[in-house]
Protein backbone atom coordinates (compact mmCIF):
# COMPACT_ATOMS: atom_id res chain seq x y z
CA MET A 1 82.86 80.60 111.42
CA LEU A 2 86.18 82.37 111.09
CA ASN A 3 86.23 86.04 110.12
CA PRO A 4 87.34 86.19 106.45
CA GLN A 5 89.28 89.38 107.21
CA GLY A 6 91.36 87.39 109.69
CA ALA A 7 92.83 85.21 106.93
CA LEU A 8 96.35 84.01 107.65
CA PRO A 9 99.13 84.99 105.24
CA LEU A 10 100.65 82.27 103.12
CA PRO A 11 104.34 81.41 103.52
CA PRO A 12 106.71 82.61 100.76
CA ARG A 13 106.58 79.31 98.87
CA PRO A 14 103.39 77.49 99.88
CA SER A 15 103.19 73.77 99.19
CA VAL A 16 100.04 71.70 98.83
CA GLU A 17 101.90 68.68 100.18
CA ARG A 18 102.96 70.61 103.26
CA TYR A 19 99.34 71.62 103.84
CA ARG A 20 98.17 68.02 103.42
CA LYS A 21 100.69 67.05 106.10
CA LEU A 22 99.42 69.89 108.30
CA ALA A 23 95.86 68.59 107.92
CA LYS A 24 96.95 65.08 108.93
CA GLU A 25 98.63 66.57 112.02
CA LEU A 26 95.32 68.19 112.96
CA VAL A 27 93.53 64.85 112.55
CA ARG A 28 96.07 63.22 114.88
CA ALA A 29 95.62 66.01 117.43
CA CYS A 30 91.88 65.54 117.23
CA LYS A 31 92.11 61.77 117.76
CA SER A 32 94.63 62.02 120.58
CA GLY A 33 92.04 62.60 123.28
CA ASP A 34 94.20 65.40 124.68
CA GLU A 35 91.97 68.46 125.25
CA GLY A 36 94.85 70.83 124.54
CA ALA A 37 96.22 69.09 121.44
CA VAL A 38 94.24 71.08 118.87
CA GLY A 39 95.21 74.34 120.55
CA GLU A 40 98.87 73.30 120.50
CA TRP A 41 98.54 72.43 116.79
CA ALA A 42 97.13 75.90 116.08
CA GLU A 43 99.88 77.53 118.15
CA ARG A 44 102.65 75.71 116.26
CA TRP A 45 101.14 76.56 112.86
CA VAL A 46 100.34 80.23 113.47
CA GLY A 47 103.60 80.71 115.36
CA ALA A 48 105.57 79.36 112.42
CA LEU A 49 103.77 81.69 110.00
CA ALA A 50 104.45 84.65 112.29
CA THR A 51 108.15 83.76 112.38
CA LEU A 52 108.28 83.53 108.59
CA ALA A 53 106.57 86.92 108.32
CA LYS A 54 109.25 88.44 110.62
CA PHE A 55 106.63 90.50 112.39
CA LYS A 56 107.61 93.04 115.03
CA LYS A 57 107.04 91.57 118.48
CA THR A 58 105.09 94.46 119.93
CA HIS A 59 102.36 93.89 122.52
CA LYS A 60 99.74 94.64 119.87
CA ALA A 61 101.25 92.22 117.35
CA LEU A 62 101.61 89.47 119.95
CA ASP A 63 98.00 89.97 121.03
CA ARG A 64 96.91 89.65 117.39
CA VAL A 65 98.82 86.37 117.03
CA ASP A 66 97.29 85.06 120.25
CA ARG A 67 93.79 85.93 118.99
CA ARG A 68 94.44 84.12 115.70
CA ILE A 69 95.60 81.03 117.56
CA LYS A 70 92.55 81.11 119.81
CA ASP A 71 90.10 81.69 116.94
CA ILE A 72 91.56 78.91 114.78
CA ALA A 73 91.73 76.48 117.68
CA GLU A 74 88.09 77.12 118.57
CA PHE A 75 87.03 76.82 114.93
CA ALA A 76 88.96 73.57 114.51
CA GLN A 77 87.53 72.12 117.70
CA GLY A 78 84.03 73.01 116.57
CA LYS A 79 84.49 71.42 113.14
CA MET A 80 86.34 68.35 114.39
CA SER A 81 84.23 67.51 117.45
CA GLY A 82 80.83 66.94 115.83
CA LEU A 83 79.29 63.57 115.17
CA GLY A 84 80.84 61.65 112.32
CA SER A 85 78.96 60.40 109.28
CA GLY A 86 78.29 57.14 111.09
CA GLY A 87 76.41 58.99 113.78
CA ALA A 88 78.86 58.44 116.60
CA GLY A 89 82.32 59.48 117.65
CA LEU A 90 84.49 62.45 116.88
CA ASN A 91 84.50 63.97 113.41
CA CYS A 92 88.27 63.68 113.13
CA ARG A 93 88.22 63.41 109.36
CA LEU A 94 90.88 64.58 106.95
CA ALA A 95 88.26 66.52 104.92
CA SER A 96 87.26 68.47 108.04
CA ALA A 97 90.88 69.29 108.84
CA GLN A 98 91.50 70.46 105.28
CA PHE A 99 88.44 72.70 105.47
CA VAL A 100 89.76 74.28 108.68
CA ILE A 101 93.04 75.12 106.94
CA ALA A 102 91.33 76.52 103.83
CA ARG A 103 88.98 78.72 105.90
CA SER A 104 91.91 79.96 107.99
CA HIS A 105 93.48 81.32 104.81
CA GLY A 106 90.24 82.95 103.62
CA PHE A 107 89.01 80.31 101.16
CA GLU A 108 85.58 78.72 101.00
CA SER A 109 86.79 75.19 100.39
CA TRP A 110 89.87 72.99 100.25
CA PRO A 111 89.69 72.52 96.44
CA LYS A 112 89.65 76.32 95.90
CA PHE A 113 92.57 76.69 98.27
CA VAL A 114 94.56 74.00 96.44
CA ARG A 115 93.88 75.62 93.05
CA HIS A 116 95.06 78.96 94.47
CA ILE A 117 98.35 77.48 95.69
CA ASP A 118 98.92 75.64 92.42
CA ALA A 119 98.34 78.88 90.48
CA LEU A 120 100.74 80.79 92.74
CA GLY A 121 103.48 78.43 91.63
CA ARG A 122 103.13 79.78 88.09
CA LYS A 123 104.38 83.38 88.07
CA SER A 124 102.57 84.12 84.83
CA SER A 125 99.15 83.06 86.21
CA SER A 126 96.49 85.67 86.89
CA VAL A 127 96.40 84.53 90.53
CA ALA A 128 100.13 85.11 91.01
CA ARG A 129 99.90 88.50 89.28
CA PHE A 130 96.90 89.52 91.37
CA GLU A 131 98.63 88.63 94.63
CA ALA A 132 101.75 90.53 93.58
CA ALA A 133 99.65 93.55 92.65
CA ALA A 134 97.78 93.48 95.96
CA ASP A 135 101.11 93.45 97.80
CA ALA A 136 102.34 96.33 95.64
CA ILE A 137 99.24 98.40 96.49
CA VAL A 138 99.51 98.03 100.26
CA GLY A 139 103.28 98.45 100.07
CA GLY A 140 103.04 101.67 98.07
CA LYS A 141 105.15 100.23 95.21
CA THR A 142 103.88 102.14 92.19
CA ALA A 143 106.63 100.96 89.84
CA VAL A 144 105.83 97.31 90.52
CA LEU A 145 102.11 97.93 90.10
CA LYS A 146 102.63 99.79 86.81
CA LYS A 147 104.73 96.95 85.44
CA LEU A 148 102.12 94.33 86.38
CA LEU A 149 99.28 96.35 84.84
CA ARG A 150 101.28 96.98 81.70
CA GLU A 151 102.06 93.27 81.28
CA ASP A 152 98.45 92.22 81.98
CA PRO A 153 95.88 94.98 81.26
CA GLU A 154 93.02 92.68 82.38
CA LEU A 155 94.53 92.41 85.86
CA VAL A 156 92.78 95.59 86.97
CA ARG A 157 89.41 93.85 86.46
CA THR A 158 90.45 90.52 87.96
CA ARG A 159 88.99 89.40 91.28
CA SER A 160 90.61 87.68 94.21
CA THR A 161 90.08 83.93 94.48
CA ARG A 162 89.47 84.39 98.20
CA GLU A 163 85.96 84.44 99.59
CA HIS A 164 85.66 88.24 99.46
CA ARG A 165 86.12 88.34 95.65
CA ALA A 166 87.62 91.83 95.90
CA THR A 167 89.17 93.69 92.99
CA LEU A 168 92.51 95.43 93.27
CA LEU A 169 90.73 98.74 93.80
CA HIS A 170 89.20 97.44 97.03
CA TYR A 171 92.70 97.04 98.48
CA VAL A 172 93.21 100.83 98.50
CA SER A 173 90.58 101.02 101.26
CA ALA A 174 92.59 98.83 103.70
CA ASN A 175 89.28 97.36 104.78
CA GLY A 176 87.34 94.16 104.18
CA VAL A 177 90.28 92.30 102.66
CA GLU A 178 92.67 90.05 104.61
CA ASP A 179 93.82 92.11 107.56
CA TYR A 180 97.57 91.54 107.06
CA ARG A 181 97.07 93.64 103.93
CA GLN A 182 95.06 96.34 105.65
CA LYS A 183 97.74 99.02 105.35
CA THR A 184 97.65 102.53 103.90
CA PRO A 185 100.85 103.86 102.32
CA LYS A 186 101.24 107.62 102.06
CA ASN A 187 100.98 107.45 98.26
CA ILE A 188 97.67 105.58 98.22
CA VAL A 189 95.91 108.39 96.31
CA ARG A 190 98.45 108.11 93.50
CA ILE A 191 98.01 104.33 93.48
CA THR A 192 94.23 104.71 93.39
CA LYS A 193 94.41 107.01 90.37
CA LEU A 194 96.81 104.60 88.69
CA LEU A 195 94.29 101.77 89.05
CA LEU A 196 91.38 103.90 87.86
CA ASP A 197 93.31 105.24 84.88
CA ALA A 198 94.08 101.62 83.99
CA GLY A 199 90.36 100.83 83.84
CA ALA A 200 89.37 99.73 87.36
CA GLU A 201 85.59 99.66 87.87
CA ILE A 202 84.90 102.50 90.31
CA ASP A 203 81.81 100.94 91.91
CA ALA A 204 82.81 97.28 91.78
CA THR A 205 81.48 95.44 94.83
CA ALA A 206 83.15 92.94 97.13
CA ASP A 207 81.51 90.15 99.13
CA VAL A 208 82.36 91.58 102.55
CA TYR A 209 80.20 92.79 105.45
CA GLY A 210 77.09 91.31 103.92
CA GLY A 211 78.07 91.99 100.30
CA GLY A 212 77.85 94.99 98.01
CA ALA A 213 80.75 96.95 99.53
CA THR A 214 82.53 99.43 97.26
CA ALA A 215 86.00 100.95 97.49
CA LEU A 216 84.47 104.28 98.51
CA GLY A 217 82.32 102.78 101.25
CA LEU A 218 85.17 100.67 102.59
CA ALA A 219 87.66 103.55 102.49
CA ALA A 220 85.23 105.85 104.30
CA THR A 221 84.74 103.37 107.15
CA SER A 222 88.40 102.32 107.45
CA VAL A 223 90.67 103.46 110.26
CA HIS A 224 93.90 102.96 108.30
CA PRO A 225 93.63 105.81 105.75
CA GLU A 226 92.48 108.04 108.62
CA ARG A 227 95.57 107.22 110.66
CA ALA A 228 97.76 107.78 107.60
CA GLY A 229 96.23 111.25 107.20
CA VAL A 230 94.99 110.61 103.65
CA GLN A 231 91.38 109.54 104.10
CA GLU A 232 89.71 112.68 102.78
CA ALA A 233 92.10 112.92 99.82
CA LEU A 234 91.41 109.27 99.02
CA LEU A 235 87.65 109.76 99.22
CA GLN A 236 87.86 112.86 97.03
CA ALA A 237 89.86 110.98 94.41
CA LEU A 238 87.25 108.23 94.27
CA LEU A 239 84.45 110.80 94.01
CA ASP A 240 86.33 112.66 91.27
CA TYR A 241 86.36 109.44 89.24
CA GLY A 242 82.61 109.05 89.65
CA ALA A 243 82.14 106.84 92.70
CA ALA A 244 78.50 106.67 93.81
CA ILE A 245 78.35 108.37 97.20
CA ASP A 246 75.14 106.65 98.27
CA ARG A 247 75.32 103.25 96.62
CA PRO A 248 73.08 100.85 98.59
CA ARG A 249 75.16 98.60 100.88
CA GLY A 250 78.33 100.32 99.67
CA ALA A 251 79.61 100.81 103.22
CA GLY A 252 78.67 97.27 104.25
CA ASN A 253 76.19 95.92 106.79
CA GLU A 254 73.26 97.53 104.96
CA ASP A 255 74.38 100.97 106.17
CA PRO A 256 74.22 104.15 104.05
CA ALA A 257 77.62 105.80 103.67
CA VAL A 258 77.47 108.38 106.46
CA LEU A 259 75.84 106.01 108.93
CA GLY A 260 78.50 103.42 108.15
CA CYS A 261 81.20 105.98 108.96
CA LEU A 262 79.59 106.85 112.27
CA ALA A 263 79.10 103.20 113.21
CA ASN A 264 82.83 102.65 112.68
CA GLY A 265 84.06 105.74 114.52
CA ARG A 266 84.99 107.70 111.41
CA ARG A 267 83.69 111.13 112.45
CA GLU A 268 85.66 113.19 109.91
CA ALA A 269 84.85 110.91 106.99
CA ALA A 270 81.16 111.08 107.91
CA ALA A 271 81.22 114.89 107.89
CA PHE A 272 83.22 114.89 104.64
CA LEU A 273 80.64 112.77 102.81
CA ALA A 274 77.72 114.69 104.32
CA ASP A 275 79.23 117.96 103.08
CA ARG A 276 79.43 116.47 99.58
CA GLY A 277 75.79 115.52 99.38
CA ALA A 278 75.54 112.07 100.90
CA GLY A 279 72.03 111.27 102.09
CA LEU A 280 71.29 111.73 105.78
CA THR A 281 68.93 109.71 107.90
CA LEU A 282 67.72 111.01 111.24
CA ALA A 283 70.47 109.04 112.97
CA SER A 284 73.31 110.08 110.66
CA ALA A 285 72.20 113.72 110.60
CA ALA A 286 72.35 113.69 114.40
CA GLY A 287 75.81 112.11 114.35
CA VAL A 288 77.29 114.78 112.06
CA GLY A 289 75.56 117.60 113.94
CA ARG A 290 73.20 118.68 111.16
CA LEU A 291 70.48 120.07 113.41
CA ASP A 292 68.64 121.55 110.42
CA VAL A 293 68.22 118.07 108.91
CA VAL A 294 67.30 116.55 112.28
CA LYS A 295 64.56 119.15 112.68
CA SER A 296 63.16 118.25 109.28
CA TYR A 297 62.22 114.81 110.62
CA PHE A 298 59.82 116.35 113.17
CA ASP A 299 56.44 118.03 112.79
CA ASP A 300 55.80 121.51 114.19
CA ASP A 301 54.30 120.03 117.36
CA GLY A 302 57.57 118.22 118.10
CA THR A 303 56.44 114.73 117.14
CA LEU A 304 58.24 112.47 114.71
CA LYS A 305 56.91 112.56 111.18
CA PRO A 306 55.00 109.50 109.93
CA GLY A 307 57.20 106.55 109.00
CA LEU A 308 59.84 107.32 111.59
CA SER A 309 60.30 105.32 114.77
CA LYS A 310 61.30 105.91 118.36
CA GLU A 311 64.28 103.59 117.75
CA GLN A 312 65.54 105.87 114.96
CA MET A 313 65.32 108.88 117.27
CA GLU A 314 67.16 106.99 120.01
CA ALA A 315 69.89 105.92 117.58
CA GLY A 316 70.31 109.57 116.57
CA PHE A 317 70.51 110.56 120.23
CA LEU A 318 73.28 108.04 120.93
CA TYR A 319 75.29 109.13 117.89
CA ALA A 320 74.87 112.78 118.87
CA CYS A 321 76.14 112.00 122.37
CA GLY A 322 79.03 109.89 121.11
CA TYR A 323 80.20 112.58 118.68
CA GLY A 324 79.64 115.57 120.94
CA ARG A 325 76.73 117.16 119.05
CA SER A 326 75.34 118.99 122.08
CA GLU A 327 72.74 121.08 120.21
CA VAL A 328 71.24 117.95 118.68
CA VAL A 329 71.32 116.23 122.08
CA GLU A 330 69.35 119.09 123.65
CA PHE A 331 66.87 119.16 120.76
CA LEU A 332 66.15 115.43 121.02
CA LEU A 333 65.88 115.53 124.81
CA ASP A 334 63.34 118.33 124.49
CA ARG A 335 61.34 116.04 122.21
CA GLY A 336 61.17 113.25 124.71
CA VAL A 337 64.04 110.91 123.97
CA ASP A 338 64.76 108.71 126.97
CA LEU A 339 68.03 109.47 128.78
CA ALA A 340 68.37 105.78 129.59
CA SER A 341 67.97 104.59 126.01
CA HIS A 342 70.65 102.31 124.58
CA SER A 343 71.05 99.91 121.66
CA GLY A 344 71.04 96.73 123.73
CA ASP A 345 74.50 97.04 125.23
CA GLY A 346 73.60 99.21 128.20
CA GLN A 347 75.73 102.07 126.85
CA THR A 348 73.56 105.13 127.48
CA GLY A 349 74.07 108.51 125.88
CA LEU A 350 76.10 109.57 128.91
CA HIS A 351 78.34 106.53 128.54
CA TRP A 352 78.94 107.48 124.91
CA ALA A 353 79.62 111.13 125.68
CA VAL A 354 82.18 110.00 128.26
CA ILE A 355 83.82 107.61 125.79
CA GLY A 356 84.16 110.45 123.29
CA GLY A 357 85.49 112.82 125.94
CA HIS A 358 82.90 115.50 125.12
CA LEU A 359 82.79 117.81 128.13
CA ASP A 360 79.97 120.04 126.87
CA THR A 361 77.78 117.07 126.04
CA VAL A 362 78.47 115.43 129.41
CA ARG A 363 77.52 118.72 131.06
CA SER A 364 74.29 118.96 129.05
CA LEU A 365 73.28 115.43 129.97
CA LEU A 366 74.09 115.86 133.66
CA ARG A 367 71.75 118.85 133.81
CA ARG A 368 68.94 116.38 133.06
CA SER A 369 69.81 114.25 136.12
CA PRO A 370 70.47 110.89 134.44
CA SER A 371 71.12 107.77 136.47
CA LEU A 372 74.83 107.54 137.24
CA GLU A 373 74.76 103.96 138.42
CA VAL A 374 73.23 102.23 135.39
CA LYS A 375 75.69 99.63 134.10
CA ASN A 376 76.58 98.61 130.57
CA VAL A 377 76.98 94.98 129.51
CA TYR A 378 80.57 95.04 130.76
CA GLY A 379 79.46 96.00 134.25
CA GLY A 380 80.68 99.58 133.92
CA THR A 381 78.91 102.59 135.40
CA VAL A 382 79.46 105.98 133.79
CA LEU A 383 82.32 106.70 136.21
CA GLY A 384 83.73 103.24 135.50
CA GLN A 385 83.56 104.07 131.81
CA ALA A 386 85.48 107.29 132.40
CA LEU A 387 88.22 105.38 134.23
CA TRP A 388 88.36 102.74 131.48
CA SER A 389 88.59 105.38 128.76
CA ALA A 390 91.35 107.22 130.64
CA ALA A 391 93.25 103.94 131.03
CA HIS A 392 92.96 103.09 127.33
CA GLY A 393 94.53 106.12 125.71
CA GLY A 394 92.27 108.96 126.84
CA ASP A 395 93.73 112.34 127.79
CA SER A 396 94.31 112.31 131.57
CA GLU A 397 93.52 115.99 132.13
CA LEU A 398 90.32 115.74 130.10
CA TYR A 399 89.12 112.67 131.97
CA ILE A 400 89.92 114.17 135.35
CA LYS A 401 87.55 117.02 134.41
CA ILE A 402 84.89 114.50 133.40
CA ILE A 403 85.40 112.52 136.61
CA GLU A 404 85.08 115.74 138.63
CA MET A 405 81.80 116.55 136.87
CA LEU A 406 80.43 113.06 137.51
CA ILE A 407 81.38 113.17 141.18
CA ALA A 408 79.82 116.63 141.56
CA ALA A 409 76.64 115.17 140.06
CA GLY A 410 76.56 112.39 142.65
CA ALA A 411 78.76 109.56 141.39
CA GLU A 412 80.65 107.92 144.23
CA ILE A 413 84.42 107.65 144.18
CA PRO A 414 85.23 103.94 144.59
CA ARG A 415 87.33 102.97 147.59
CA ARG A 416 89.48 100.86 145.28
CA HIS A 417 90.00 100.98 141.54
CA VAL A 418 91.87 99.30 138.71
CA PRO A 419 95.11 101.17 137.95
CA VAL A 420 94.43 103.77 135.27
CA ASN A 421 97.57 105.85 134.74
CA GLN A 422 99.87 107.77 137.07
CA ARG A 423 98.11 111.13 136.70
CA VAL A 424 94.60 109.81 137.29
CA ASP A 425 95.70 107.36 139.98
CA ASP A 426 97.38 110.16 141.94
CA TRP A 427 94.27 112.32 141.62
CA LEU A 428 92.04 109.52 142.90
CA GLU A 429 94.50 108.61 145.66
CA ARG A 430 94.26 112.14 147.07
CA ARG A 431 90.50 111.66 147.26
CA GLY A 432 90.65 108.33 149.06
CA SER A 433 90.55 105.77 146.23
CA HIS A 434 93.41 103.30 146.14
CA ALA A 435 94.67 101.56 143.01
CA GLU A 436 94.73 97.77 143.29
CA PRO A 437 97.75 96.38 141.42
CA ASN A 438 96.19 92.91 141.35
CA TRP A 439 93.10 94.12 139.49
CA TYR A 440 92.81 94.31 135.73
CA TRP A 441 90.30 95.44 133.13
CA TYR A 442 88.01 92.82 131.62
CA GLY A 443 86.00 94.74 129.03
CA GLU A 444 84.98 97.66 131.21
CA GLU A 445 84.49 95.64 134.35
CA PRO A 446 87.29 95.41 136.95
CA ARG A 447 88.31 91.87 137.85
CA GLU A 448 90.70 90.56 140.46
CA ILE A 449 93.58 88.42 139.26
CA LYS A 450 93.31 84.96 140.78
CA ARG A 451 96.63 83.75 142.11
């Protein structure tokens, strides 16, 4: 099933007839017998939408387009290659092709998609107004938003016709909604207050990440307001208007607010909510470095209190390592947490401390003599993880220090390595490791390019 957040944008003037034609083209591709025909159909369609959107052709943007093409092609092939209603042959039916198109735009069915397009053609419809308001929010256009809300006061309580059923307030989070609208303008706090003053329901939920997600939970776990430098101000505005800080499922995926932040890499948002009274589990307390709360989950003899599990302690240990909470790491190690514990992906606490670039935590863990050769699911040892992290935006000087510590602890310098960056490559070259220009990173495992 396609990710609803990956919904494709509609063209400026969408036409139901054009989409019916597109569906028939998919049926023809399916029936052609050419294994690559469906992929070529997806490439033509998504490529045309990208051209209409006039997106900037950066490496990141091009990669995103390629992923959309791949995802849609795979989804279409899965839906169109099953057994037909007669029990034999390809399922190259028009209804299946129409469903693929509707799902690609974030709708649950073709009829709902058609009704949405028809409504868009009427500028006075609630659908057209909602879409215009959503664009105004992510574009930071307060004047446009004010005008729309003034003309239609009920708009602030209207929900999207897409699968997520989000309200306009959810769009301020830049999370959960269609990802081409996951943007945070600098004036998002002003826009948020405008919506709330107009009567937006502060704890309205959207059907994303398992359902029940609120604007506060989505904003706290979103990378976009963090990158825009307004996340804490946005969260404070929502709290000031009465947002429930610990609403069940508010952060999505059944996670409490702080744990949801930690699971999504939002360290500062997690600490912000914890400081304002959000509930803390053993795992989330460990992740925000609240040693006093972590201690409260243990009896005086150092054992976990009744009702708590070894898995909860291990989760806390991994979060503490990943966020550089060295005191918590030491406390949990003293109470018997396994150095080799992981959550099923092979990423040990040392892997996570390396990913986060936390020198003190790496040092603390190395004093306990962990295995340096255990591999994660990507085939990466701890040293391999350090090289991957350095190659993917990590500070070169910091990672050279981490690499030095790992080598001093017994990790072997590889004779050959995937190119990292000039600074790290030169450092490794002086120590006998040669960069292989025909190697590349696949996950965290080096692969050789086949020529």
